[in-house]
Amino acid sequence: MLTETEFYASDRPAHPELPEDRPRGGGPKEPLVHPGTWAMIAIVAIVVVVIGVGIVLFP
């Protein structure tokens, strides 16, 4: 009869450690940048100006 250690070790490779596919932490962190932030601000500003001009010209 096999011992518990022998039983569980029988089908394992010599080096069962696998490299991490998604390493955690440690690397340089880039600042979070949202693409299109200035474009969104410009679109909102244009909409506000168009609404304001519409209210002024057509009271």
PDB file of N, CA and C in Angstrom:
ATOM      1  N   MET A   1       0.845  -1.174   0.000  1.00  0.00           N
ATOM      2  CA  MET A   1       0.000   0.000   0.000  1.00  0.00           C
ATOM      3  C   MET A   1       0.898   1.248   0.000  1.00  0.00           C
ATOM      4  N   LEU A   2       0.505   2.239  -0.812  1.00  0.00           N
ATOM      5  CA  LEU A   2       1.276   3.485  -0.893  1.00  0.00           C
ATOM      6  C   LEU A   2       0.901   4.420   0.252  1.00  0.00           C
ATOM      7  N   THR A   3       1.886   5.168   0.673  1.00  0.00           N
ATOM      8  CA  THR A   3       1.583   6.201   1.674  1.00  0.00           C
ATOM      9  C   THR A   3       0.911   7.367   0.964  1.00  0.00           C
ATOM     10  N   GLU A   4       0.376   8.264   1.738  1.00  0.00           N
ATOM     11  CA  GLU A   4      -0.317   9.422   1.150  1.00  0.00           C
ATOM     12  C   GLU A   4       0.634  10.262   0.311  1.00  0.00           C
ATOM     13  N   THR A   5       1.839  10.492   0.796  1.00  0.00           N
ATOM     14  CA  THR A   5       2.821  11.285   0.055  1.00  0.00           C
ATOM     15  C   THR A   5       3.195  10.597  -1.251  1.00  0.00           C
ATOM     16  N   GLU A   6       3.415   9.323  -1.238  1.00  0.00           N
ATOM     17  CA  GLU A   6       3.773   8.593  -2.450  1.00  0.00           C
ATOM     18  C   GLU A   6       2.615   8.569  -3.446  1.00  0.00           C
ATOM     19  N   PHE A   7       1.405   8.414  -2.942  1.00  0.00           N
ATOM     20  CA  PHE A   7       0.234   8.374  -3.813  1.00  0.00           C
ATOM     21  C   PHE A   7       0.054   9.689  -4.567  1.00  0.00           C
ATOM     22  N   TYR A   8       0.134  10.809  -3.843  1.00  0.00           N
ATOM     23  CA  TYR A   8      -0.097  12.099  -4.492  1.00  0.00           C
ATOM     24  C   TYR A   8       1.109  12.566  -5.305  1.00  0.00           C
ATOM     25  N   ALA A   9       2.283  12.043  -5.042  1.00  0.00           N
ATOM     26  CA  ALA A   9       3.481  12.445  -5.779  1.00  0.00           C
ATOM     27  C   ALA A   9       3.685  11.602  -7.037  1.00  0.00           C
ATOM     28  N   SER A  10       2.964  10.522  -7.219  1.00  0.00           N
ATOM     29  CA  SER A  10       3.243   9.605  -8.316  1.00  0.00           C
ATOM     30  C   SER A  10       2.952  10.189  -9.696  1.00  0.00           C
ATOM     31  N   ASP A  11       1.964  11.068  -9.835  1.00  0.00           N
ATOM     32  CA  ASP A  11       1.633  11.583 -11.163  1.00  0.00           C
ATOM     33  C   ASP A  11       2.017  13.048 -11.344  1.00  0.00           C
ATOM     34  N   ARG A  12       2.819  13.581 -10.461  1.00  0.00           N
ATOM     35  CA  ARG A  12       3.218  14.990 -10.577  1.00  0.00           C
ATOM     36  C   ARG A  12       4.545  15.106 -11.331  1.00  0.00           C
ATOM     37  N   PRO A  13       4.723  16.180 -12.097  1.00  0.00           N
ATOM     38  CA  PRO A  13       6.007  16.396 -12.770  1.00  0.00           C
ATOM     39  C   PRO A  13       7.094  16.744 -11.748  1.00  0.00           C
ATOM     40  N   ALA A  14       8.333  16.734 -12.209  1.00  0.00           N
ATOM     41  CA  ALA A  14       9.458  17.014 -11.313  1.00  0.00           C
ATOM     42  C   ALA A  14       9.387  18.419 -10.738  1.00  0.00           C
ATOM     43  N   HIS A  15       8.980  19.389 -11.565  1.00  0.00           N
ATOM     44  CA  HIS A  15       8.880  20.794 -11.123  1.00  0.00           C
ATOM     45  C   HIS A  15       7.437  21.256 -11.349  1.00  0.00           C
ATOM     46  N   PRO A  16       6.566  21.094 -10.372  1.00  0.00           N
ATOM     47  CA  PRO A  16       5.149  21.408 -10.586  1.00  0.00           C
ATOM     48  C   PRO A  16       4.813  22.902 -10.603  1.00  0.00           C
ATOM     49  N   GLU A  17       5.789  23.757 -10.329  1.00  0.00           N
ATOM     50  CA  GLU A  17       5.528  25.197 -10.318  1.00  0.00           C
ATOM     51  C   GLU A  17       5.377  25.719 -11.743  1.00  0.00           C
ATOM     52  N   LEU A  18       4.363  26.487 -11.993  1.00  0.00           N
ATOM     53  CA  LEU A  18       4.147  27.104 -13.306  1.00  0.00           C
ATOM     54  C   LEU A  18       4.351  28.609 -13.185  1.00  0.00           C
ATOM     55  N   PRO A  19       4.907  29.243 -14.219  1.00  0.00           N
ATOM     56  CA  PRO A  19       5.029  30.697 -14.167  1.00  0.00           C
ATOM     57  C   PRO A  19       3.635  31.332 -14.206  1.00  0.00           C
ATOM     58  N   GLU A  20       3.513  32.471 -13.554  1.00  0.00           N
ATOM     59  CA  GLU A  20       2.217  33.151 -13.533  1.00  0.00           C
ATOM     60  C   GLU A  20       1.915  33.712 -14.905  1.00  0.00           C
ATOM     61  N   ASP A  21       0.693  33.506 -15.376  1.00  0.00           N
ATOM     62  CA  ASP A  21       0.316  34.075 -16.662  1.00  0.00           C
ATOM     63  C   ASP A  21      -0.079  35.539 -16.525  1.00  0.00           C
ATOM     64  N   ARG A  22      -0.443  35.949 -15.326  1.00  0.00           N
ATOM     65  CA  ARG A  22      -0.758  37.354 -15.058  1.00  0.00           C
ATOM     66  C   ARG A  22      -0.022  37.772 -13.787  1.00  0.00           C
ATOM     67  N   PRO A  23       1.253  38.162 -13.891  1.00  0.00           N
ATOM     68  CA  PRO A  23       2.011  38.513 -12.689  1.00  0.00           C
ATOM     69  C   PRO A  23       1.349  39.670 -11.941  1.00  0.00           C
ATOM     70  N   ARG A  24       1.410  39.586 -10.624  1.00  0.00           N
ATOM     71  CA  ARG A  24       0.769  40.602  -9.793  1.00  0.00           C
ATOM     72  C   ARG A  24       1.790  41.599  -9.268  1.00  0.00           C
ATOM     73  N   GLY A  25       1.508  42.874  -9.467  1.00  0.00           N
ATOM     74  CA  GLY A  25       2.302  43.943  -8.869  1.00  0.00           C
ATOM     75  C   GLY A  25       3.755  43.952  -9.308  1.00  0.00           C
ATOM     76  N   GLY A  26       4.510  44.856  -8.733  1.00  0.00           N
ATOM     77  CA  GLY A  26       5.941  44.906  -8.936  1.00  0.00           C
ATOM     78  C   GLY A  26       6.395  45.693 -10.144  1.00  0.00           C
ATOM     79  N   GLY A  27       5.595  45.805 -11.164  1.00  0.00           N
ATOM     80  CA  GLY A  27       6.016  46.498 -12.372  1.00  0.00           C
ATOM     81  C   GLY A  27       5.754  47.989 -12.284  1.00  0.00           C
ATOM     82  N   PRO A  28       6.346  48.733 -13.188  1.00  0.00           N
ATOM     83  CA  PRO A  28       6.070  50.175 -13.207  1.00  0.00           C
ATOM     84  C   PRO A  28       4.611  50.429 -13.599  1.00  0.00           C
ATOM     85  N   LYS A  29       3.996  51.331 -12.897  1.00  0.00           N
ATOM     86  CA  LYS A  29       2.587  51.613 -13.175  1.00  0.00           C
ATOM     87  C   LYS A  29       2.464  52.874 -14.012  1.00  0.00           C
ATOM     88  N   GLU A  30       1.701  52.765 -15.074  1.00  0.00           N
ATOM     89  CA  GLU A  30       1.436  53.917 -15.918  1.00  0.00           C
ATOM     90  C   GLU A  30       0.202  54.627 -15.385  1.00  0.00           C
ATOM     91  N   PRO A  31       0.181  55.948 -15.463  1.00  0.00           N
ATOM     92  CA  PRO A  31      -1.011  56.653 -14.978  1.00  0.00           C
ATOM     93  C   PRO A  31      -2.225  56.301 -15.824  1.00  0.00           C
ATOM     94  N   LEU A  32      -3.382  56.273 -15.187  1.00  0.00           N
ATOM     95  CA  LEU A  32      -4.611  55.950 -15.878  1.00  0.00           C
ATOM     96  C   LEU A  32      -5.031  57.133 -16.734  1.00  0.00           C
ATOM     97  N   VAL A  33      -5.139  56.905 -18.030  1.00  0.00           N
ATOM     98  CA  VAL A  33      -5.501  57.966 -18.974  1.00  0.00           C
ATOM     99  C   VAL A  33      -6.745  57.513 -19.714  1.00  0.00           C
ATOM    100  N   HIS A  34      -7.760  58.354 -19.703  1.00  0.00           N
ATOM    101  CA  HIS A  34      -8.978  58.054 -20.443  1.00  0.00           C
ATOM    102  C   HIS A  34      -8.889  58.719 -21.810  1.00  0.00           C
ATOM    103  N   PRO A  35      -8.833  57.924 -22.861  1.00  0.00           N
ATOM    104  CA  PRO A  35      -8.766  58.532 -24.183  1.00  0.00           C
ATOM    105  C   PRO A  35     -10.066  59.250 -24.510  1.00  0.00           C
ATOM    106  N   GLY A  36      -9.942  60.392 -25.129  1.00  0.00           N
ATOM    107  CA  GLY A  36     -11.127  61.122 -25.541  1.00  0.00           C
ATOM    108  C   GLY A  36     -11.701  62.045 -24.492  1.00  0.00           C
ATOM    109  N   THR A  37     -10.992  62.296 -23.407  1.00  0.00           N
ATOM    110  CA  THR A  37     -11.516  63.177 -22.364  1.00  0.00           C
ATOM    111  C   THR A  37     -11.732  64.582 -22.903  1.00  0.00           C
ATOM    112  N   TRP A  38     -10.727  65.104 -23.612  1.00  0.00           N
ATOM    113  CA  TRP A  38     -10.865  66.463 -24.145  1.00  0.00           C
ATOM    114  C   TRP A  38     -11.920  66.510 -25.247  1.00  0.00           C
ATOM    115  N   ALA A  39     -12.068  65.450 -25.988  1.00  0.00           N
ATOM    116  CA  ALA A  39     -13.097  65.413 -27.029  1.00  0.00           C
ATOM    117  C   ALA A  39     -14.485  65.459 -26.398  1.00  0.00           C
ATOM    118  N   MET A  40     -14.675  64.746 -25.304  1.00  0.00           N
ATOM    119  CA  MET A  40     -15.975  64.750 -24.616  1.00  0.00           C
ATOM    120  C   MET A  40     -16.272  66.133 -24.047  1.00  0.00           C
ATOM    121  N   ILE A  41     -15.261  66.781 -23.492  1.00  0.00           N
ATOM    122  CA  ILE A  41     -15.453  68.142 -22.964  1.00  0.00           C
ATOM    123  C   ILE A  41     -15.841  69.082 -24.096  1.00  0.00           C
ATOM    124  N   ALA A  42     -15.196  68.957 -25.262  1.00  0.00           N
ATOM    125  CA  ALA A  42     -15.505  69.817 -26.400  1.00  0.00           C
ATOM    126  C   ALA A  42     -16.928  69.579 -26.900  1.00  0.00           C
ATOM    127  N   ILE A  43     -17.355  68.314 -26.961  1.00  0.00           N
ATOM    128  CA  ILE A  43     -18.714  68.016 -27.424  1.00  0.00           C
ATOM    129  C   ILE A  43     -19.746  68.607 -26.474  1.00  0.00           C
ATOM    130  N   VAL A  44     -19.528  68.462 -25.173  1.00  0.00           N
ATOM    131  CA  VAL A  44     -20.468  69.020 -24.190  1.00  0.00           C
ATOM    132  C   VAL A  44     -20.500  70.540 -24.299  1.00  0.00           C
ATOM    133  N   ALA A  45     -19.334  71.167 -24.462  1.00  0.00           N
ATOM    134  CA  ALA A  45     -19.283  72.626 -24.586  1.00  0.00           C
ATOM    135  C   ALA A  45     -20.024  73.089 -25.839  1.00  0.00           C
ATOM    136  N   ILE A  46     -19.864  72.389 -26.949  1.00  0.00           N
ATOM    137  CA  ILE A  46     -20.562  72.769 -28.187  1.00  0.00           C
ATOM    138  C   ILE A  46     -22.072  72.632 -28.012  1.00  0.00           C
ATOM    139  N   VAL A  47     -22.522  71.564 -27.376  1.00  0.00           N
ATOM    140  CA  VAL A  47     -23.959  71.382 -27.150  1.00  0.00           C
ATOM    141  C   VAL A  47     -24.501  72.499 -26.271  1.00  0.00           C
ATOM    142  N   VAL A  48     -23.767  72.865 -25.233  1.00  0.00           N
ATOM    143  CA  VAL A  48     -24.216  73.950 -24.351  1.00  0.00           C
ATOM    144  C   VAL A  48     -24.275  75.267 -25.110  1.00  0.00           C
ATOM    145  N   VAL A  49     -23.290  75.537 -25.956  1.00  0.00           N
ATOM    146  CA  VAL A  49     -23.286  76.782 -26.737  1.00  0.00           C
ATOM    147  C   VAL A  49     -24.446  76.787 -27.728  1.00  0.00           C
ATOM    148  N   VAL A  50     -24.708  75.682 -28.398  1.00  0.00           N
ATOM    149  CA  VAL A  50     -25.813  75.629 -29.361  1.00  0.00           C
ATOM    150  C   VAL A  50     -27.145  75.846 -28.650  1.00  0.00           C
ATOM    151  N   ILE A  51     -27.333  75.232 -27.507  1.00  0.00           N
ATOM    152  CA  ILE A  51     -28.584  75.442 -26.746  1.00  0.00           C
ATOM    153  C   ILE A  51     -28.692  76.888 -26.295  1.00  0.00           C
ATOM    154  N   GLY A  52     -27.576  77.448 -25.814  1.00  0.00           N
ATOM    155  CA  GLY A  52     -27.592  78.852 -25.387  1.00  0.00           C
ATOM    156  C   GLY A  52     -27.903  79.802 -26.532  1.00  0.00           C
ATOM    157  N   VAL A  53     -27.295  79.579 -27.705  1.00  0.00           N
ATOM    158  CA  VAL A  53     -27.566  80.428 -28.868  1.00  0.00           C
ATOM    159  C   VAL A  53     -29.019  80.267 -29.297  1.00  0.00           C
ATOM    160  N   GLY A  54     -29.536  79.049 -29.233  1.00  0.00           N
ATOM    161  CA  GLY A  54     -30.935  78.836 -29.602  1.00  0.00           C
ATOM    162  C   GLY A  54     -31.876  79.564 -28.675  1.00  0.00           C
ATOM    163  N   ILE A  55     -31.570  79.595 -27.399  1.00  0.00           N
ATOM    164  CA  ILE A  55     -32.435  80.305 -26.436  1.00  0.00           C
ATOM    165  C   ILE A  55     -32.342  81.818 -26.665  1.00  0.00           C
ATOM    166  N   VAL A  56     -31.147  82.319 -26.950  1.00  0.00           N
ATOM    167  CA  VAL A  56     -30.969  83.765 -27.156  1.00  0.00           C
ATOM    168  C   VAL A  56     -31.626  84.222 -28.448  1.00  0.00           C
ATOM    169  N   LEU A  57     -31.479  83.472 -29.530  1.00  0.00           N
ATOM    170  CA  LEU A  57     -32.012  83.904 -30.819  1.00  0.00           C
ATOM    171  C   LEU A  57     -33.526  83.662 -30.958  1.00  0.00           C
ATOM    172  N   PHE A  58     -34.062  82.666 -30.278  1.00  0.00           N
ATOM    173  CA  PHE A  58     -35.472  82.354 -30.417  1.00  0.00           C
ATOM    174  C   PHE A  58     -36.141  82.347 -29.029  1.00  0.00           C
ATOM    175  N   PRO A  59     -36.364  83.530 -28.476  1.00  0.00           N
ATOM    176  CA  PRO A  59     -36.956  83.589 -27.134  1.00  0.00           C
ATOM    177  C   PRO A  59     -38.428  83.215 -27.101  1.00  0.00           C
TER     178      PRO A  59
END
